[in-house]
Amino acid sequence: MDHPTVIHAVDHAVFSPEKMGKTTLFSSRHVLVGLNAFEPGQAHALHAHAGMDKVYHVLAGEGVFLLEGCELPMRAGDLLVAPDGVPHGVRNTSQDRLVVMAVLAPGTHSK
């Protein structure tokens, strides 16, 4: 994407019947901003990022977020932080689509 530009993030969500859809909105060595798009029943398995913090912001829909052994219900407007090395995951437990912005820092590009 060209910057500076205003991004209506939900418009960039990519859905797939086979698995969670992923879209990168912006990436640099400082930050990665992406979207995770879930059809009903889809999930992103429990995983962790070494050396990266992750912020989940629900843009549309609702689901259950897994963090530190807890299942946390979240819906549009909610935000959750998964600190460096802490296992986390997402499940769309609703009958509607779920769109989640994921912000990871530092980013994934090398210097």
PDB file of N, CA and C in Angstrom:
ATOM      1  N   MET A   1       0.832  -1.181   0.000  1.00  0.00           N
ATOM      2  CA  MET A   1       0.000   0.000   0.000  1.00  0.00           C
ATOM      3  C   MET A   1       0.876   1.243   0.000  1.00  0.00           C
ATOM      4  N   ASP A   2       0.389   2.262  -0.634  1.00  0.00           N
ATOM      5  CA  ASP A   2       1.095   3.537  -0.618  1.00  0.00           C
ATOM      6  C   ASP A   2       0.770   4.261   0.671  1.00  0.00           C
ATOM      7  N   HIS A   3       1.758   4.918   1.216  1.00  0.00           N
ATOM      8  CA  HIS A   3       1.553   5.668   2.449  1.00  0.00           C
ATOM      9  C   HIS A   3       2.035   7.080   2.249  1.00  0.00           C
ATOM     10  N   PRO A   4       1.445   8.124   2.792  1.00  0.00           N
ATOM     11  CA  PRO A   4       0.317   7.994   3.717  1.00  0.00           C
ATOM     12  C   PRO A   4      -1.000   7.796   2.972  1.00  0.00           C
ATOM     13  N   THR A   5      -1.816   6.944   3.507  1.00  0.00           N
ATOM     14  CA  THR A   5      -3.153   6.708   2.979  1.00  0.00           C
ATOM     15  C   THR A   5      -4.031   6.202   4.108  1.00  0.00           C
ATOM     16  N   VAL A   6      -5.287   6.500   4.032  1.00  0.00           N
ATOM     17  CA  VAL A   6      -6.241   5.988   5.014  1.00  0.00           C
ATOM     18  C   VAL A   6      -6.672   4.600   4.558  1.00  0.00           C
ATOM     19  N   ILE A   7      -6.634   3.664   5.470  1.00  0.00           N
ATOM     20  CA  ILE A   7      -6.979   2.284   5.149  1.00  0.00           C
ATOM     21  C   ILE A   7      -8.257   1.906   5.891  1.00  0.00           C
ATOM     22  N   HIS A   8      -9.266   1.476   5.165  1.00  0.00           N
ATOM     23  CA  HIS A   8     -10.457   0.903   5.791  1.00  0.00           C
ATOM     24  C   HIS A   8     -10.183  -0.588   5.843  1.00  0.00           C
ATOM     25  N   ALA A   9      -9.617  -1.029   6.950  1.00  0.00           N
ATOM     26  CA  ALA A   9      -9.025  -2.356   7.064  1.00  0.00           C
ATOM     27  C   ALA A   9      -9.968  -3.492   6.683  1.00  0.00           C
ATOM     28  N   VAL A  10     -11.201  -3.458   7.117  1.00  0.00           N
ATOM     29  CA  VAL A  10     -12.136  -4.562   6.865  1.00  0.00           C
ATOM     30  C   VAL A  10     -12.300  -4.818   5.367  1.00  0.00           C
ATOM     31  N   ASP A  11     -12.151  -3.782   4.546  1.00  0.00           N
ATOM     32  CA  ASP A  11     -12.276  -3.958   3.093  1.00  0.00           C
ATOM     33  C   ASP A  11     -11.178  -4.853   2.522  1.00  0.00           C
ATOM     34  N   HIS A  12     -10.107  -5.057   3.261  1.00  0.00           N
ATOM     35  CA  HIS A  12      -8.970  -5.848   2.782  1.00  0.00           C
ATOM     36  C   HIS A  12      -8.976  -7.285   3.317  1.00  0.00           C
ATOM     37  N   ALA A  13      -9.985  -7.636   4.082  1.00  0.00           N
ATOM     38  CA  ALA A  13     -10.077  -8.990   4.631  1.00  0.00           C
ATOM     39  C   ALA A  13     -10.270  -9.999   3.502  1.00  0.00           C
ATOM     40  N   VAL A  14      -9.528 -11.100   3.588  1.00  0.00           N
ATOM     41  CA  VAL A  14      -9.624 -12.177   2.606  1.00  0.00           C
ATOM     42  C   VAL A  14     -10.106 -13.420   3.344  1.00  0.00           C
ATOM     43  N   PHE A  15     -11.227 -13.965   2.892  1.00  0.00           N
ATOM     44  CA  PHE A  15     -11.806 -15.145   3.515  1.00  0.00           C
ATOM     45  C   PHE A  15     -11.568 -16.359   2.631  1.00  0.00           C
ATOM     46  N   SER A  16     -11.390 -17.505   3.270  1.00  0.00           N
ATOM     47  CA  SER A  16     -11.187 -18.762   2.566  1.00  0.00           C
ATOM     48  C   SER A  16     -11.999 -19.845   3.268  1.00  0.00           C
ATOM     49  N   PRO A  17     -12.676 -20.704   2.516  1.00  0.00           N
ATOM     50  CA  PRO A  17     -13.436 -21.773   3.176  1.00  0.00           C
ATOM     51  C   PRO A  17     -12.524 -22.829   3.812  1.00  0.00           C
ATOM     52  N   GLU A  18     -11.264 -22.921   3.364  1.00  0.00           N
ATOM     53  CA  GLU A  18     -10.351 -23.944   3.865  1.00  0.00           C
ATOM     54  C   GLU A  18      -9.663 -23.571   5.173  1.00  0.00           C
ATOM     55  N   LYS A  19      -9.246 -22.296   5.314  1.00  0.00           N
ATOM     56  CA  LYS A  19      -8.503 -21.887   6.507  1.00  0.00           C
ATOM     57  C   LYS A  19      -8.589 -20.379   6.687  1.00  0.00           C
ATOM     58  N   MET A  20      -8.148 -19.929   7.847  1.00  0.00           N
ATOM     59  CA  MET A  20      -8.133 -18.502   8.154  1.00  0.00           C
ATOM     60  C   MET A  20      -7.436 -17.730   7.036  1.00  0.00           C
ATOM     61  N   GLY A  21      -8.027 -16.608   6.625  1.00  0.00           N
ATOM     62  CA  GLY A  21      -7.402 -15.748   5.629  1.00  0.00           C
ATOM     63  C   GLY A  21      -6.450 -14.761   6.295  1.00  0.00           C
ATOM     64  N   LYS A  22      -5.341 -14.456   5.620  1.00  0.00           N
ATOM     65  CA  LYS A  22      -4.360 -13.504   6.151  1.00  0.00           C
ATOM     66  C   LYS A  22      -4.046 -12.451   5.101  1.00  0.00           C
ATOM     67  N   THR A  23      -3.971 -11.203   5.541  1.00  0.00           N
ATOM     68  CA  THR A  23      -3.632 -10.081   4.685  1.00  0.00           C
ATOM     69  C   THR A  23      -2.643  -9.200   5.431  1.00  0.00           C
ATOM     70  N   THR A  24      -1.577  -8.770   4.772  1.00  0.00           N
ATOM     71  CA  THR A  24      -0.651  -7.811   5.370  1.00  0.00           C
ATOM     72  C   THR A  24      -1.023  -6.416   4.876  1.00  0.00           C
ATOM     73  N   LEU A  25      -1.305  -5.519   5.806  1.00  0.00           N
ATOM     74  CA  LEU A  25      -1.636  -4.137   5.466  1.00  0.00           C
ATOM     75  C   LEU A  25      -0.391  -3.259   5.421  1.00  0.00           C
ATOM     76  N   PHE A  26       0.576  -3.554   6.310  1.00  0.00           N
ATOM     77  CA  PHE A  26       1.822  -2.791   6.358  1.00  0.00           C
ATOM     78  C   PHE A  26       2.870  -3.628   7.064  1.00  0.00           C
ATOM     79  N   SER A  27       4.104  -3.545   6.580  1.00  0.00           N
ATOM     80  CA  SER A  27       5.184  -4.279   7.217  1.00  0.00           C
ATOM     81  C   SER A  27       6.483  -3.490   7.125  1.00  0.00           C
ATOM     82  N   SER A  28       7.175  -3.401   8.237  1.00  0.00           N
ATOM     83  CA  SER A  28       8.500  -2.785   8.289  1.00  0.00           C
ATOM     84  C   SER A  28       9.291  -3.504   9.373  1.00  0.00           C
ATOM     85  N   ARG A  29      10.516  -3.090   9.612  1.00  0.00           N
ATOM     86  CA  ARG A  29      11.295  -3.721  10.689  1.00  0.00           C
ATOM     87  C   ARG A  29      10.761  -3.324  12.059  1.00  0.00           C
ATOM     88  N   HIS A  30       9.911  -2.323  12.118  1.00  0.00           N
ATOM     89  CA  HIS A  30       9.373  -1.842  13.390  1.00  0.00           C
ATOM     90  C   HIS A  30       8.038  -2.458  13.762  1.00  0.00           C
ATOM     91  N   VAL A  31       7.195  -2.704  12.750  1.00  0.00           N
ATOM     92  CA  VAL A  31       5.833  -3.167  13.031  1.00  0.00           C
ATOM     93  C   VAL A  31       5.269  -3.925  11.829  1.00  0.00           C
ATOM     94  N   LEU A  32       4.420  -4.902  12.119  1.00  0.00           N
ATOM     95  CA  LEU A  32       3.669  -5.617  11.090  1.00  0.00           C
ATOM     96  C   LEU A  32       2.192  -5.441  11.429  1.00  0.00           C
ATOM     97  N   VAL A  33       1.405  -4.988  10.460  1.00  0.00           N
ATOM     98  CA  VAL A  33      -0.031  -4.815  10.647  1.00  0.00           C
ATOM     99  C   VAL A  33      -0.737  -5.716   9.640  1.00  0.00           C
ATOM    100  N   GLY A  34      -1.510  -6.650  10.165  1.00  0.00           N
ATOM    101  CA  GLY A  34      -2.199  -7.583   9.282  1.00  0.00           C
ATOM    102  C   GLY A  34      -3.619  -7.832   9.719  1.00  0.00           C
ATOM    103  N   LEU A  35      -4.324  -8.565   8.876  1.00  0.00           N
ATOM    104  CA  LEU A  35      -5.699  -8.964   9.186  1.00  0.00           C
ATOM    105  C   LEU A  35      -5.782 -10.472   9.193  1.00  0.00           C
ATOM    106  N   ASN A  36      -6.532 -11.004  10.126  1.00  0.00           N
ATOM    107  CA  ASN A  36      -6.900 -12.409  10.150  1.00  0.00           C
ATOM    108  C   ASN A  36      -8.407 -12.458   9.950  1.00  0.00           C
ATOM    109  N   ALA A  37      -8.855 -13.253   8.976  1.00  0.00           N
ATOM    110  CA  ALA A  37     -10.272 -13.317   8.629  1.00  0.00           C
ATOM    111  C   ALA A  37     -10.757 -14.758   8.794  1.00  0.00           C
ATOM    112  N   PHE A  38     -11.782 -14.938   9.604  1.00  0.00           N
ATOM    113  CA  PHE A  38     -12.276 -16.266   9.971  1.00  0.00           C
ATOM    114  C   PHE A  38     -13.718 -16.448   9.532  1.00  0.00           C
ATOM    115  N   GLU A  39     -13.962 -17.544   8.836  1.00  0.00           N
ATOM    116  CA  GLU A  39     -15.333 -17.972   8.593  1.00  0.00           C
ATOM    117  C   GLU A  39     -15.832 -18.620   9.890  1.00  0.00           C
ATOM    118  N   PRO A  40     -17.143 -18.794  10.053  1.00  0.00           N
ATOM    119  CA  PRO A  40     -17.643 -19.474  11.251  1.00  0.00           C
ATOM    120  C   PRO A  40     -16.953 -20.829  11.452  1.00  0.00           C
ATOM    121  N   GLY A  41     -16.532 -21.065  12.677  1.00  0.00           N
ATOM    122  CA  GLY A  41     -15.893 -22.326  13.030  1.00  0.00           C
ATOM    123  C   GLY A  41     -14.394 -22.396  12.798  1.00  0.00           C
ATOM    124  N   GLN A  42     -13.821 -21.455  12.068  1.00  0.00           N
ATOM    125  CA  GLN A  42     -12.379 -21.494  11.818  1.00  0.00           C
ATOM    126  C   GLN A  42     -11.596 -21.014  13.033  1.00  0.00           C
ATOM    127  N   ALA A  43     -10.310 -21.436  13.090  1.00  0.00           N
ATOM    128  CA  ALA A  43      -9.464 -21.092  14.226  1.00  0.00           C
ATOM    129  C   ALA A  43      -8.031 -20.867  13.779  1.00  0.00           C
ATOM    130  N   HIS A  44      -7.288 -20.172  14.602  1.00  0.00           N
ATOM    131  CA  HIS A  44      -5.832 -20.029  14.468  1.00  0.00           C
ATOM    132  C   HIS A  44      -5.266 -20.696  15.711  1.00  0.00           C
ATOM    133  N   ALA A  45      -4.595 -21.818  15.515  1.00  0.00           N
ATOM    134  CA  ALA A  45      -4.126 -22.654  16.622  1.00  0.00           C
ATOM    135  C   ALA A  45      -3.225 -21.889  17.585  1.00  0.00           C
ATOM    136  N   LEU A  46      -3.183 -22.377  18.800  1.00  0.00           N
ATOM    137  CA  LEU A  46      -2.329 -21.819  19.834  1.00  0.00           C
ATOM    138  C   LEU A  46      -0.882 -21.787  19.343  1.00  0.00           C
ATOM    139  N   HIS A  47      -0.239 -20.615  19.458  1.00  0.00           N
ATOM    140  CA  HIS A  47       1.139 -20.426  19.022  1.00  0.00           C
ATOM    141  C   HIS A  47       1.745 -19.263  19.793  1.00  0.00           C
ATOM    142  N   ALA A  48       3.033 -19.047  19.665  1.00  0.00           N
ATOM    143  CA  ALA A  48       3.706 -17.927  20.345  1.00  0.00           C
ATOM    144  C   ALA A  48       4.731 -17.328  19.398  1.00  0.00           C
ATOM    145  N   HIS A  49       5.090 -16.075  19.649  1.00  0.00           N
ATOM    146  CA  HIS A  49       6.102 -15.370  18.868  1.00  0.00           C
ATOM    147  C   HIS A  49       7.257 -15.007  19.788  1.00  0.00           C
ATOM    148  N   ALA A  50       8.423 -15.549  19.522  1.00  0.00           N
ATOM    149  CA  ALA A  50       9.604 -15.204  20.315  1.00  0.00           C
ATOM    150  C   ALA A  50      10.089 -13.814  19.902  1.00  0.00           C
ATOM    151  N   GLY A  51      10.260 -12.948  20.873  1.00  0.00           N
ATOM    152  CA  GLY A  51      10.789 -11.619  20.601  1.00  0.00           C
ATOM    153  C   GLY A  51       9.804 -10.640  19.998  1.00  0.00           C
ATOM    154  N   MET A  52       8.508 -10.977  19.976  1.00  0.00           N
ATOM    155  CA  MET A  52       7.499 -10.077  19.403  1.00  0.00           C
ATOM    156  C   MET A  52       6.286 -10.003  20.322  1.00  0.00           C
ATOM    157  N   ASP A  53       5.761  -8.812  20.502  1.00  0.00           N
ATOM    158  CA  ASP A  53       4.479  -8.615  21.163  1.00  0.00           C
ATOM    159  C   ASP A  53       3.416  -8.548  20.067  1.00  0.00           C
ATOM    160  N   LYS A  54       2.192  -8.969  20.410  1.00  0.00           N
ATOM    161  CA  LYS A  54       1.099  -8.965  19.434  1.00  0.00           C
ATOM    162  C   LYS A  54      -0.130  -8.336  20.061  1.00  0.00           C
ATOM    163  N   VAL A  55      -0.765  -7.460  19.304  1.00  0.00           N
ATOM    164  CA  VAL A  55      -2.011  -6.834  19.721  1.00  0.00           C
ATOM    165  C   VAL A  55      -3.103  -7.314  18.776  1.00  0.00           C
ATOM    166  N   TYR A  56      -4.178  -7.849  19.341  1.00  0.00           N
ATOM    167  CA  TYR A  56      -5.359  -8.230  18.572  1.00  0.00           C
ATOM    168  C   TYR A  56      -6.418  -7.144  18.772  1.00  0.00           C
ATOM    169  N   HIS A  57      -7.011  -6.675  17.671  1.00  0.00           N
ATOM    170  CA  HIS A  57      -8.129  -5.734  17.754  1.00  0.00           C
ATOM    171  C   HIS A  57      -9.243  -6.288  16.870  1.00  0.00           C
ATOM    172  N   VAL A  58     -10.362  -6.627  17.481  1.00  0.00           N
ATOM    173  CA  VAL A  58     -11.486  -7.188  16.728  1.00  0.00           C
ATOM    174  C   VAL A  58     -12.196  -6.054  15.987  1.00  0.00           C
ATOM    175  N   LEU A  59     -12.249  -6.190  14.665  1.00  0.00           N
ATOM    176  CA  LEU A  59     -12.889  -5.166  13.835  1.00  0.00           C
ATOM    177  C   LEU A  59     -14.336  -5.514  13.508  1.00  0.00           C
ATOM    178  N   ALA A  60     -14.623  -6.803  13.362  1.00  0.00           N
ATOM    179  CA  ALA A  60     -15.985  -7.241  13.034  1.00  0.00           C
ATOM    180  C   ALA A  60     -16.195  -8.650  13.568  1.00  0.00           C
ATOM    181  N   GLY A  61     -17.385  -8.902  14.064  1.00  0.00           N
ATOM    182  CA  GLY A  61     -17.731 -10.231  14.549  1.00  0.00           C
ATOM    183  C   GLY A  61     -17.345 -10.451  16.000  1.00  0.00           C
ATOM    184  N   GLU A  62     -17.309 -11.733  16.376  1.00  0.00           N
ATOM    185  CA  GLU A  62     -16.941 -12.096  17.740  1.00  0.00           C
ATOM    186  C   GLU A  62     -16.373 -13.501  17.744  1.00  0.00           C
ATOM    187  N   GLY A  63     -15.586 -13.784  18.785  1.00  0.00           N
ATOM    188  CA  GLY A  63     -14.978 -15.094  18.906  1.00  0.00           C
ATOM    189  C   GLY A  63     -14.350 -15.267  20.276  1.00  0.00           C
ATOM    190  N   VAL A  64     -13.590 -16.334  20.416  1.00  0.00           N
ATOM    191  CA  VAL A  64     -12.906 -16.633  21.671  1.00  0.00           C
ATOM    192  C   VAL A  64     -11.409 -16.544  21.414  1.00  0.00           C
ATOM    193  N   PHE A  65     -10.719 -15.799  22.275  1.00  0.00           N
ATOM    194  CA  PHE A  65      -9.273 -15.646  22.174  1.00  0.00           C
ATOM    195  C   PHE A  65      -8.640 -16.427  23.313  1.00  0.00           C
ATOM    196  N   LEU A  66      -7.619 -17.178  22.972  1.00  0.00           N
ATOM    197  CA  LEU A  66      -6.929 -18.022  23.938  1.00  0.00           C
ATOM    198  C   LEU A  66      -5.643 -17.310  24.336  1.00  0.00           C
ATOM    199  N   LEU A  67      -5.440 -17.142  25.639  1.00  0.00           N
ATOM    200  CA  LEU A  67      -4.249 -16.453  26.127  1.00  0.00           C
ATOM    201  C   LEU A  67      -3.962 -16.916  27.541  1.00  0.00           C
ATOM    202  N   GLU A  68      -2.751 -17.386  27.766  1.00  0.00           N
ATOM    203  CA  GLU A  68      -2.302 -17.812  29.094  1.00  0.00           C
ATOM    204  C   GLU A  68      -3.281 -18.787  29.749  1.00  0.00           C
ATOM    205  N   GLY A  69      -3.768 -19.761  28.983  1.00  0.00           N
ATOM    206  CA  GLY A  69      -4.661 -20.774  29.525  1.00  0.00           C
ATOM    207  C   GLY A  69      -6.095 -20.322  29.720  1.00  0.00           C
ATOM    208  N   CYS A  70      -6.412 -19.104  29.328  1.00  0.00           N
ATOM    209  CA  CYS A  70      -7.778 -18.575  29.469  1.00  0.00           C
ATOM    210  C   CYS A  70      -8.456 -18.499  28.102  1.00  0.00           C
ATOM    211  N   GLU A  71      -9.780 -18.651  28.101  1.00  0.00           N
ATOM    212  CA  GLU A  71     -10.591 -18.409  26.923  1.00  0.00           C
ATOM    213  C   GLU A  71     -11.344 -17.110  27.158  1.00  0.00           C
ATOM    214  N   LEU A  72     -11.030 -16.105  26.350  1.00  0.00           N
ATOM    215  CA  LEU A  72     -11.570 -14.762  26.538  1.00  0.00           C
ATOM    216  C   LEU A  72     -12.505 -14.408  25.391  1.00  0.00           C
ATOM    217  N   PRO A  73     -13.813 -14.269  25.654  1.00  0.00           N
ATOM    218  CA  PRO A  73     -14.725 -13.848  24.592  1.00  0.00           C
ATOM    219  C   PRO A  73     -14.426 -12.399  24.208  1.00  0.00           C
ATOM    220  N   MET A  74     -14.389 -12.146  22.896  1.00  0.00           N
ATOM    221  CA  MET A  74     -14.156 -10.782  22.405  1.00  0.00           C
ATOM    222  C   MET A  74     -15.093 -10.509  21.241  1.00  0.00           C
ATOM    223  N   ARG A  75     -15.390  -9.228  21.052  1.00  0.00           N
ATOM    224  CA  ARG A  75     -16.270  -8.810  19.957  1.00  0.00           C
ATOM    225  C   ARG A  75     -15.744  -7.504  19.380  1.00  0.00           C
ATOM    226  N   ALA A  76     -16.372  -7.036  18.317  1.00  0.00           N
ATOM    227  CA  ALA A  76     -15.931  -5.824  17.628  1.00  0.00           C
ATOM    228  C   ALA A  76     -15.687  -4.692  18.631  1.00  0.00           C
ATOM    229  N   GLY A  77     -14.507  -4.091  18.522  1.00  0.00           N
ATOM    230  CA  GLY A  77     -14.115  -2.994  19.396  1.00  0.00           C
ATOM    231  C   GLY A  77     -13.184  -3.416  20.518  1.00  0.00           C
ATOM    232  N   ASP A  78     -13.111  -4.728  20.805  1.00  0.00           N
ATOM    233  CA  ASP A  78     -12.257  -5.217  21.896  1.00  0.00           C
ATOM    234  C   ASP A  78     -10.811  -5.369  21.436  1.00  0.00           C
ATOM    235  N   LEU A  79      -9.888  -5.244  22.397  1.00  0.00           N
ATOM    236  CA  LEU A  79      -8.459  -5.325  22.138  1.00  0.00           C
ATOM    237  C   LEU A  79      -7.806  -6.211  23.182  1.00  0.00           C
ATOM    238  N   LEU A  80      -6.814  -6.988  22.768  1.00  0.00           N
ATOM    239  CA  LEU A  80      -6.106  -7.895  23.663  1.00  0.00           C
ATOM    240  C   LEU A  80      -4.632  -7.902  23.290  1.00  0.00           C
ATOM    241  N   VAL A  81      -3.748  -7.926  24.288  1.00  0.00           N
ATOM    242  CA  VAL A  81      -2.310  -7.977  24.053  1.00  0.00           C
ATOM    243  C   VAL A  81      -1.781  -9.357  24.411  1.00  0.00           C
ATOM    244  N   ALA A  82      -1.018  -9.950  23.494  1.00  0.00           N
ATOM    245  CA  ALA A  82      -0.305 -11.209  23.735  1.00  0.00           C
ATOM    246  C   ALA A  82       1.180 -10.851  23.808  1.00  0.00           C
ATOM    247  N   PRO A  83       1.739 -10.788  25.019  1.00  0.00           N
ATOM    248  CA  PRO A  83       3.145 -10.400  25.155  1.00  0.00           C
ATOM    249  C   PRO A  83       4.099 -11.432  24.559  1.00  0.00           C
ATOM    250  N   ASP A  84       5.303 -11.010  24.327  1.00  0.00           N
ATOM    251  CA  ASP A  84       6.400 -11.823  23.812  1.00  0.00           C
ATOM    252  C   ASP A  84       6.428 -13.206  24.460  1.00  0.00           C
ATOM    253  N   GLY A  85       6.330 -14.240  23.633  1.00  0.00           N
ATOM    254  CA  GLY A  85       6.475 -15.611  24.106  1.00  0.00           C
ATOM    255  C   GLY A  85       5.256 -16.244  24.738  1.00  0.00           C
ATOM    256  N   VAL A  86       4.162 -15.507  24.917  1.00  0.00           N
ATOM    257  CA  VAL A  86       2.960 -16.052  25.555  1.00  0.00           C
ATOM    258  C   VAL A  86       2.076 -16.715  24.489  1.00  0.00           C
ATOM    259  N   PRO A  87       1.742 -17.997  24.660  1.00  0.00           N
ATOM    260  CA  PRO A  87       0.890 -18.684  23.682  1.00  0.00           C
ATOM    261  C   PRO A  87      -0.486 -18.023  23.562  1.00  0.00           C
ATOM    262  N   HIS A  88      -0.954 -17.926  22.306  1.00  0.00           N
ATOM    263  CA  HIS A  88      -2.243 -17.292  22.026  1.00  0.00           C
ATOM    264  C   HIS A  88      -2.847 -17.913  20.779  1.00  0.00           C
ATOM    265  N   GLY A  89      -4.150 -17.765  20.636  1.00  0.00           N
ATOM    266  CA  GLY A  89      -4.858 -18.275  19.477  1.00  0.00           C
ATOM    267  C   GLY A  89      -6.248 -17.678  19.414  1.00  0.00           C
ATOM    268  N   VAL A  90      -6.978 -18.007  18.352  1.00  0.00           N
ATOM    269  CA  VAL A  90      -8.307 -17.426  18.109  1.00  0.00           C
ATOM    270  C   VAL A  90      -9.230 -18.506  17.552  1.00  0.00           C
ATOM    271  N   ARG A  91     -10.502 -18.471  17.977  1.00  0.00           N
ATOM    272  CA  ARG A  91     -11.543 -19.337  17.409  1.00  0.00           C
ATOM    273  C   ARG A  91     -12.784 -18.496  17.126  1.00  0.00           C
ATOM    274  N   ASN A  92     -13.312 -18.641  15.935  1.00  0.00           N
ATOM    275  CA  ASN A  92     -14.583 -18.000  15.624  1.00  0.00           C
ATOM    276  C   ASN A  92     -15.681 -18.954  16.065  1.00  0.00           C
ATOM    277  N   THR A  93     -16.311 -18.641  17.175  1.00  0.00           N
ATOM    278  CA  THR A  93     -17.358 -19.492  17.738  1.00  0.00           C
ATOM    279  C   THR A  93     -18.753 -19.031  17.329  1.00  0.00           C
ATOM    280  N   SER A  94     -18.819 -17.995  16.497  1.00  0.00           N
ATOM    281  CA  SER A  94     -20.122 -17.454  16.100  1.00  0.00           C
ATOM    282  C   SER A  94     -20.534 -18.001  14.737  1.00  0.00           C
ATOM    283  N   GLN A  95     -21.708 -17.602  14.285  1.00  0.00           N
ATOM    284  CA  GLN A  95     -22.216 -17.982  12.969  1.00  0.00           C
ATOM    285  C   GLN A  95     -21.904 -16.917  11.928  1.00  0.00           C
ATOM    286  N   ASP A  96     -21.188 -15.870  12.338  1.00  0.00           N
ATOM    287  CA  ASP A  96     -20.832 -14.767  11.442  1.00  0.00           C
ATOM    288  C   ASP A  96     -19.324 -14.743  11.218  1.00  0.00           C
ATOM    289  N   ARG A  97     -18.897 -13.998  10.232  1.00  0.00           N
ATOM    290  CA  ARG A  97     -17.467 -13.831   9.972  1.00  0.00           C
ATOM    291  C   ARG A  97     -16.821 -13.007  11.091  1.00  0.00           C
ATOM    292  N   LEU A  98     -15.535 -13.283  11.313  1.00  0.00           N
ATOM    293  CA  LEU A  98     -14.732 -12.590  12.322  1.00  0.00           C
ATOM    294  C   LEU A  98     -13.526 -11.978  11.620  1.00  0.00           C
ATOM    295  N   VAL A  99     -13.297 -10.675  11.824  1.00  0.00           N
ATOM    296  CA  VAL A  99     -12.129  -9.985  11.259  1.00  0.00           C
ATOM    297  C   VAL A  99     -11.343  -9.369  12.410  1.00  0.00           C
ATOM    298  N   VAL A 100     -10.059  -9.734  12.475  1.00  0.00           N
ATOM    299  CA  VAL A 100      -9.196  -9.304  13.564  1.00  0.00           C
ATOM    300  C   VAL A 100      -7.953  -8.642  12.986  1.00  0.00           C
ATOM    301  N   MET A 101      -7.655  -7.420  13.452  1.00  0.00           N
ATOM    302  CA  MET A 101      -6.386  -6.793  13.102  1.00  0.00           C
ATOM    303  C   MET A 101      -5.341  -7.311  14.077  1.00  0.00           C
ATOM    304  N   ALA A 102      -4.203  -7.723  13.532  1.00  0.00           N
ATOM    305  CA  ALA A 102      -3.086  -8.188  14.349  1.00  0.00           C
ATOM    306  C   ALA A 102      -1.913  -7.253  14.112  1.00  0.00           C
ATOM    307  N   VAL A 103      -1.395  -6.677  15.199  1.00  0.00           N
ATOM    308  CA  VAL A 103      -0.249  -5.773  15.116  1.00  0.00           C
ATOM    309  C   VAL A 103       0.887  -6.417  15.890  1.00  0.00           C
ATOM    310  N   LEU A 104       2.002  -6.686  15.207  1.00  0.00           N
ATOM    311  CA  LEU A 104       3.148  -7.325  15.835  1.00  0.00           C
ATOM    312  C   LEU A 104       4.345  -6.372  15.820  1.00  0.00           C
ATOM    313  N   ALA A 105       5.052  -6.333  16.938  1.00  0.00           N
ATOM    314  CA  ALA A 105       6.246  -5.490  17.025  1.00  0.00           C
ATOM    315  C   ALA A 105       7.333  -6.224  17.795  1.00  0.00           C
ATOM    316  N   PRO A 106       8.565  -6.131  17.359  1.00  0.00           N
ATOM    317  CA  PRO A 106       8.984  -5.470  16.117  1.00  0.00           C
ATOM    318  C   PRO A 106       8.474  -6.220  14.888  1.00  0.00           C
ATOM    319  N   GLY A 107       8.624  -5.590  13.741  1.00  0.00           N
ATOM    320  CA  GLY A 107       8.151  -6.165  12.492  1.00  0.00           C
ATOM    321  C   GLY A 107       9.021  -7.327  12.028  1.00  0.00           C
ATOM    322  N   THR A 108       8.743  -7.794  10.826  1.00  0.00           N
ATOM    323  CA  THR A 108       9.413  -8.989  10.326  1.00  0.00           C
ATOM    324  C   THR A 108      10.475  -8.702   9.269  1.00  0.00           C
ATOM    325  N   HIS A 109      10.531  -7.475   8.756  1.00  0.00           N
ATOM    326  CA  HIS A 109      11.552  -7.157   7.743  1.00  0.00           C
ATOM    327  C   HIS A 109      12.911  -7.006   8.396  1.00  0.00           C
ATOM    328  N   SER A 110      13.929  -7.458   7.736  1.00  0.00           N
ATOM    329  CA  SER A 110      15.287  -7.260   8.260  1.00  0.00           C
ATOM    330  C   SER A 110      15.719  -5.814   8.041  1.00  0.00           C
ATOM    331  N   LYS A 111      16.754  -5.419   8.746  1.00  0.00           N
ATOM    332  CA  LYS A 111      17.240  -4.027   8.684  1.00  0.00           C
ATOM    333  C   LYS A 111      17.903  -3.740   7.358  1.00  0.00           C
TER     334      LYS A 111
END
